[in-house]
């Protein structure tokens, strides 16, 4: 009995929203998954794909796209993927510290 109720709730959850919009977002997510060059969304897709499979990755990326679009439209917030930049900077800084590199080693000019 519980299993039937759970299935019914999931079906209702999946049926919410515009079918055309869901199809468009899934198609866009699928295209993102097929990209050759590395982008933040493609990397997200690949992480989910490795863990849970392509179908889950398409759904997760489509949802992420919908959140990005919603924030851009409703909140009037431009899309900037700052998290990726900050993570990259932290990783590079850790490597510099790990190898005890100096500005001279890196050929950096400081003013």
C-alpha atoms as a PDB file:
ATOM      1  CA  UNK A   1       0.000   0.000   0.000  1.00  0.00           C
ATOM      2  CA  UNK A   2       2.779   2.437   0.929  1.00  0.00           C
ATOM      3  CA  UNK A   3       4.572   1.695  -2.306  1.00  0.00           C
ATOM      4  CA  UNK A   4       1.493   2.689  -4.335  1.00  0.00           C
ATOM      5  CA  UNK A   5       1.217   5.986  -2.450  1.00  0.00           C
ATOM      6  CA  UNK A   6       4.904   6.724  -3.024  1.00  0.00           C
ATOM      7  CA  UNK A   7       4.574   6.010  -6.745  1.00  0.00           C
ATOM      8  CA  UNK A   8       1.496   8.229  -6.976  1.00  0.00           C
ATOM      9  CA  UNK A   9       3.312  11.116  -5.233  1.00  0.00           C
ATOM     10  CA  UNK A  10       6.278  10.770  -7.566  1.00  0.00           C
ATOM     11  CA  UNK A  11       4.030  10.761 -10.632  1.00  0.00           C
ATOM     12  CA  UNK A  12       2.324  13.946  -9.403  1.00  0.00           C
ATOM     13  CA  UNK A  13       5.704  15.545  -8.738  1.00  0.00           C
ATOM     14  CA  UNK A  14       6.913  14.702 -12.242  1.00  0.00           C
ATOM     15  CA  UNK A  15       3.752  16.011 -13.890  1.00  0.00           C
ATOM     16  CA  UNK A  16       4.035  19.518 -12.435  1.00  0.00           C
ATOM     17  CA  UNK A  17       4.976  22.315 -14.810  1.00  0.00           C
ATOM     18  CA  UNK A  18       5.036  22.842 -18.545  1.00  0.00           C
ATOM     19  CA  UNK A  19       5.786  19.709 -20.548  1.00  0.00           C
ATOM     20  CA  UNK A  20       7.285  21.749 -23.387  1.00  0.00           C
ATOM     21  CA  UNK A  21       9.589  23.575 -21.000  1.00  0.00           C
ATOM     22  CA  UNK A  22      10.719  20.301 -19.400  1.00  0.00           C
ATOM     23  CA  UNK A  23      11.482  18.827 -22.808  1.00  0.00           C
ATOM     24  CA  UNK A  24      13.403  21.945 -23.848  1.00  0.00           C
ATOM     25  CA  UNK A  25      15.443  21.970 -20.615  1.00  0.00           C
ATOM     26  CA  UNK A  26      16.217  18.251 -20.932  1.00  0.00           C
ATOM     27  CA  UNK A  27      17.307  18.726 -24.546  1.00  0.00           C
ATOM     28  CA  UNK A  28      19.548  21.613 -23.492  1.00  0.00           C
ATOM     29  CA  UNK A  29      20.987  19.504 -20.659  1.00  0.00           C
ATOM     30  CA  UNK A  30      21.638  16.666 -23.099  1.00  0.00           C
ATOM     31  CA  UNK A  31      23.506  19.040 -25.405  1.00  0.00           C
ATOM     32  CA  UNK A  32      25.538  20.292 -22.438  1.00  0.00           C
ATOM     33  CA  UNK A  33      26.441  16.676 -21.669  1.00  0.00           C
ATOM     34  CA  UNK A  34      27.695  16.203 -25.228  1.00  0.00           C
ATOM     35  CA  UNK A  35      30.015  19.236 -25.181  1.00  0.00           C
ATOM     36  CA  UNK A  36      33.683  18.513 -25.771  1.00  0.00           C
ATOM     37  CA  UNK A  37      35.165  21.562 -24.020  1.00  0.00           C
ATOM     38  CA  UNK A  38      35.007  21.936 -20.270  1.00  0.00           C
ATOM     39  CA  UNK A  39      32.371  24.300 -18.909  1.00  0.00           C
ATOM     40  CA  UNK A  40      30.957  24.485 -15.376  1.00  0.00           C
ATOM     41  CA  UNK A  41      27.653  22.935 -16.441  1.00  0.00           C
ATOM     42  CA  UNK A  42      29.339  20.204 -18.474  1.00  0.00           C
ATOM     43  CA  UNK A  43      31.583  19.352 -15.523  1.00  0.00           C
ATOM     44  CA  UNK A  44      28.508  19.189 -13.281  1.00  0.00           C
ATOM     45  CA  UNK A  45      26.840  16.897 -15.823  1.00  0.00           C
ATOM     46  CA  UNK A  46      29.886  14.618 -15.971  1.00  0.00           C
ATOM     47  CA  UNK A  47      30.104  14.322 -12.162  1.00  0.00           C
ATOM     48  CA  UNK A  48      26.455  13.266 -11.916  1.00  0.00           C
ATOM     49  CA  UNK A  49      26.804  11.012 -14.961  1.00  0.00           C
ATOM     50  CA  UNK A  50      29.672   9.092 -13.376  1.00  0.00           C
ATOM     51  CA  UNK A  51      27.839   8.670 -10.071  1.00  0.00           C
ATOM     52  CA  UNK A  52      24.239   8.048 -11.101  1.00  0.00           C
ATOM     53  CA  UNK A  53      24.052   7.621 -14.867  1.00  0.00           C
ATOM     54  CA  UNK A  54      23.088   9.694 -17.864  1.00  0.00           C
ATOM     55  CA  UNK A  55      19.327   9.906 -17.218  1.00  0.00           C
ATOM     56  CA  UNK A  56      19.901  11.326 -13.730  1.00  0.00           C
ATOM     57  CA  UNK A  57      22.570  13.661 -15.077  1.00  0.00           C
ATOM     58  CA  UNK A  58      20.187  15.033 -17.720  1.00  0.00           C
ATOM     59  CA  UNK A  59      17.474  15.602 -15.102  1.00  0.00           C
ATOM     60  CA  UNK A  60      19.852  17.209 -12.602  1.00  0.00           C
ATOM     61  CA  UNK A  61      21.399  19.491 -15.217  1.00  0.00           C
ATOM     62  CA  UNK A  62      17.957  20.454 -16.534  1.00  0.00           C
ATOM     63  CA  UNK A  63      16.921  21.407 -13.013  1.00  0.00           C
ATOM     64  CA  UNK A  64      20.125  23.394 -12.516  1.00  0.00           C
ATOM     65  CA  UNK A  65      19.441  25.213 -15.800  1.00  0.00           C
ATOM     66  CA  UNK A  66      15.897  26.005 -14.664  1.00  0.00           C
ATOM     67  CA  UNK A  67      17.190  27.469 -11.385  1.00  0.00           C
ATOM     68  CA  UNK A  68      19.750  29.585 -13.263  1.00  0.00           C
ATOM     69  CA  UNK A  69      17.103  30.840 -15.696  1.00  0.00           C
ATOM     70  CA  UNK A  70      14.626  31.522 -12.877  1.00  0.00           C
ATOM     71  CA  UNK A  71      17.219  33.572 -10.971  1.00  0.00           C
ATOM     72  CA  UNK A  72      18.071  35.524 -14.107  1.00  0.00           C
ATOM     73  CA  UNK A  73      14.430  36.285 -14.964  1.00  0.00           C
ATOM     74  CA  UNK A  74      12.786  36.742 -11.562  1.00  0.00           C
ATOM     75  CA  UNK A  75      15.643  38.134  -9.473  1.00  0.00           C
ATOM     76  CA  UNK A  76      17.321  39.932 -12.391  1.00  0.00           C
ATOM     77  CA  UNK A  77      20.658  38.382 -11.393  1.00  0.00           C
ATOM     78  CA  UNK A  78      23.277  37.902 -14.131  1.00  0.00           C
ATOM     79  CA  UNK A  79      24.786  34.428 -14.393  1.00  0.00           C
ATOM     80  CA  UNK A  80      28.326  34.265 -13.110  1.00  0.00           C
ATOM     81  CA  UNK A  81      29.855  31.043 -11.994  1.00  0.00           C
ATOM     82  CA  UNK A  82      31.968  32.459  -9.193  1.00  0.00           C
ATOM     83  CA  UNK A  83      32.171  29.203  -7.213  1.00  0.00           C
ATOM     84  CA  UNK A  84      34.240  27.538  -9.913  1.00  0.00           C
ATOM     85  CA  UNK A  85      36.687  30.451 -10.076  1.00  0.00           C
ATOM     86  CA  UNK A  86      37.107  30.553  -6.301  1.00  0.00           C
ATOM     87  CA  UNK A  87      37.657  26.795  -6.152  1.00  0.00           C
ATOM     88  CA  UNK A  88      40.239  26.980  -8.918  1.00  0.00           C
ATOM     89  CA  UNK A  89      42.088  29.831  -7.203  1.00  0.00           C
ATOM     90  CA  UNK A  90      42.122  27.937  -3.882  1.00  0.00           C
ATOM     91  CA  UNK A  91      43.412  24.786  -5.556  1.00  0.00           C
ATOM     92  CA  UNK A  92      46.217  26.671  -7.321  1.00  0.00           C
ATOM     93  CA  UNK A  93      47.119  28.481  -4.082  1.00  0.00           C
ATOM     94  CA  UNK A  94      47.360  25.140  -2.240  1.00  0.00           C
ATOM     95  CA  UNK A  95      49.661  23.767  -4.928  1.00  0.00           C
ATOM     96  CA  UNK A  96      51.859  26.867  -4.758  1.00  0.00           C
ATOM     97  CA  UNK A  97      52.083  26.517  -0.970  1.00  0.00           C
ATOM     98  CA  UNK A  98      52.688  22.756  -1.202  1.00  0.00           C
ATOM     99  CA  UNK A  99      55.674  23.193  -3.477  1.00  0.00           C
ATOM    100  CA  UNK A 100      56.862  26.355  -1.661  1.00  0.00           C
ATOM    101  CA  UNK A 101      57.035  28.334  -4.892  1.00  0.00           C
ATOM    102  CA  UNK A 102      57.952  32.017  -4.891  1.00  0.00           C
ATOM    103  CA  UNK A 103      57.089  34.836  -7.294  1.00  0.00           C
ATOM    104  CA  UNK A 104      60.520  34.423  -8.869  1.00  0.00           C
ATOM    105  CA  UNK A 105      59.892  30.718  -9.464  1.00  0.00           C
ATOM    106  CA  UNK A 106      56.622  31.552 -11.194  1.00  0.00           C
ATOM    107  CA  UNK A 107      58.102  34.510 -13.118  1.00  0.00           C
ATOM    108  CA  UNK A 108      55.477  36.831 -11.632  1.00  0.00           C
ATOM    109  CA  UNK A 109      56.019  40.560 -11.682  1.00  0.00           C
ATOM    110  CA  UNK A 110      54.769  42.365  -8.589  1.00  0.00           C
ATOM    111  CA  UNK A 111      54.461  46.117  -8.343  1.00  0.00           C
END
